[in-house]
């Protein structure tokens, strides 16, 4: 099975401009392709994970990836998939985030000589002359067509700023520049990027008389149709300082039964023949599948040693209620009132619940425990002396924190 057919079998392909041409290019290692990453935070997250895995798969098949860091488009912000405008970042924040992205991407992509490129669209976007840019690019875009694009439609009711309206043109210009500078003949992206990507292929055709291709990958949605990669405490990050390897492992270990095989197929590098055998798994076998998923993805992001430690800790945690590698919440003197901290504050401070009202509900409904014992009184409080090295706070069946006092 060649790479295009494998991508199909894994359920990764959503839309393509020319299936035969794309199949020919990537199956024969002739694609120089790019995927863009806007530096909206100082770490990549699970939402970027599928794109990184796709780049790795295509590079393994002999194609050349270009990781485009949006140091320029980051000044504007992509309206796709959003109901409000992104907050504006300073140049220093954007540069810091770009540097962090480079470090994380190198775990997935081989950037050695001739194998891949990492470029920043700030190199050509930030020095553009506005009038010259309008004259060069503006005539090739129909406002009517742009307003029909899905990425703009959902913003029209609440208001679409002119700043964001430029985003499609800027992304299209990226493809145009990458085609000329590096021979980039393909763009890949999430399915919500389709309109922007078509803008790029059309600009290349109109300005250069050349043909370029675009392919979108299926968005990673759970069985309820919601984007995966979010928890009660926020995004699941690839940076171990923001989401520990144990927390990362646990996120995948806890996916719904209906989602586990889809995730294994789309995200891991296990052979399809091996995954196909899991299609008949049910009951306790699905828990085994979740362990496989969690281990394989943690290994990809954090390395085999961290994956093994996370798996051992998870098994120890659920067999004995304790683990050295479980996520830790540190308390300081300021967290105590009259030498005590109550259970509601503790649950909230630990990140196990988003608010104290949610903490109250968890306690009242029997969903909170300390060291394996349920806490049902919302006025329960603990002194500093009670927080020894084995103090474990739990919410629900699978969310744990070790609590320590600095």
Foldseek 3Di string as FASTA:
>chain_A
DFLVVLCVVLQWFDDKDDVVVVCVCQSQLNAEEEEEDELLDLFAFPQCQLVLLVQLSSLVSNHEYEYEYALPLNQQDALQPHQDGRDGDDNVSRVNSLVSHVVQSVLRAPPPPPSYHYYYLCVPRVPDDVVVLCVLQVVQDDPVVLCVQPSNVSHVVVDDDPSNSCSLSSLLVVLLVCCVPPVRQEYEEAPSCVSSRVSNQSSCCVVPVDGGMYIYTYACAAPVRHHPQADQLGGGGLDCVVPNLLNQLLSLLPGDLRCLLSLCSSRAPPDPVVSVVCPPDDDVVSSVSSLVSSLRVSCSRPNNVSSVLSSVQQVCCLVQVFGPPAAAQEAEPVCDDPQKHFQLSVCCSQSVHVHSVVSLVQLCVQFKDWSPHRHNDRRHMDGLVPLDQGTWIGGHNRDIYRYHYD
